[in-house]
Protein backbone atom coordinates (compact mmCIF):
# COMPACT_ATOMS: atom_id res chain seq x y z
CA MET A 1 4.34 0.74 3.93
CA ASP A 2 3.37 -0.95 7.19
CA ARG A 3 0.51 -3.35 6.53
CA SER A 4 -0.89 -3.38 10.09
CA LYS A 5 -1.45 0.40 10.05
CA SER A 6 -3.29 0.34 6.74
CA THR A 7 -5.57 -2.50 7.84
CA SER A 8 -6.52 -0.72 11.07
CA MET A 9 -7.15 2.44 9.04
CA GLU A 10 -9.23 0.46 6.55
CA LYS A 11 -11.21 -1.00 9.45
CA LEU A 12 -11.86 2.48 10.84
CA VAL A 13 -12.95 3.77 7.45
CA GLY A 14 -15.13 0.70 6.93
CA MET A 15 -16.72 1.15 10.35
CA GLU A 16 -17.33 4.85 9.65
CA ILE A 17 -18.91 4.09 6.28
CA GLY A 18 -20.99 1.31 7.81
CA TRP A 19 -22.14 3.61 10.61
CA ARG A 20 -23.08 6.37 8.18
CA LEU A 21 -24.97 3.95 5.93
CA GLY A 22 -26.81 2.53 8.93
CA GLU A 23 -27.59 6.02 10.19
CA SER A 24 -28.91 7.22 6.84
CA TYR A 25 -30.93 4.01 6.49
CA MET A 26 -32.51 4.51 9.91
CA THR A 27 -33.20 8.16 9.10
CA ARG A 28 -34.79 7.19 5.80
CA LEU A 29 -36.81 4.50 7.56
CA GLY A 30 -37.99 7.05 10.13
CA ILE A 31 -38.94 9.54 7.43
CA GLY A 32 -40.65 6.76 5.49
CA LEU A 33 -42.70 5.70 8.50
CA LYS A 34 -43.66 9.28 9.27
CA GLY A 35 -44.55 9.84 5.63
CA PHE A 36 -46.61 6.67 5.60
CA LYS A 37 -48.55 7.78 8.69
CA ASP A 38 -49.11 11.20 7.12
CA LEU A 39 -50.23 9.49 3.93
CA LEU A 40 -52.74 7.39 5.86
CA LYS A 41 -54.00 10.46 7.68
CA GLY A 42 -54.19 12.38 4.41
CA GLY A 43 -55.93 9.44 2.73
CA ARG A 44 -58.58 9.37 5.42
CA LEU A 45 -59.13 13.11 5.12
CA TRP A 46 -59.31 12.77 1.34
CA LEU A 47 -61.91 10.00 1.65
CA LEU A 48 -63.95 12.11 4.05
CA SER A 49 -63.84 15.11 1.73
CA CYS A 50 -64.86 12.88 -1.20
CA GLU A 51 -67.79 11.53 0.81
CA ARG A 52 -68.89 15.07 1.63
CA PHE A 53 -68.56 16.08 -2.00
CA TYR A 54 -70.67 13.17 -3.20
CA MET A 55 -73.23 13.56 -0.41
CA ASP A 56 -74.09 17.15 -1.41
């Protein structure tokens, strides 16, 4: 087996795996940030509804 071919193939596979991992990480980060913003928004609404509940 030719060693140079396998190393270039390994590099390509490694790059592909690295790219996919990076992509999924960025996607997860994006979802996490969006979720965090939604959580903050939801938390504020929850606090407001609690205030209303206790004010009555």
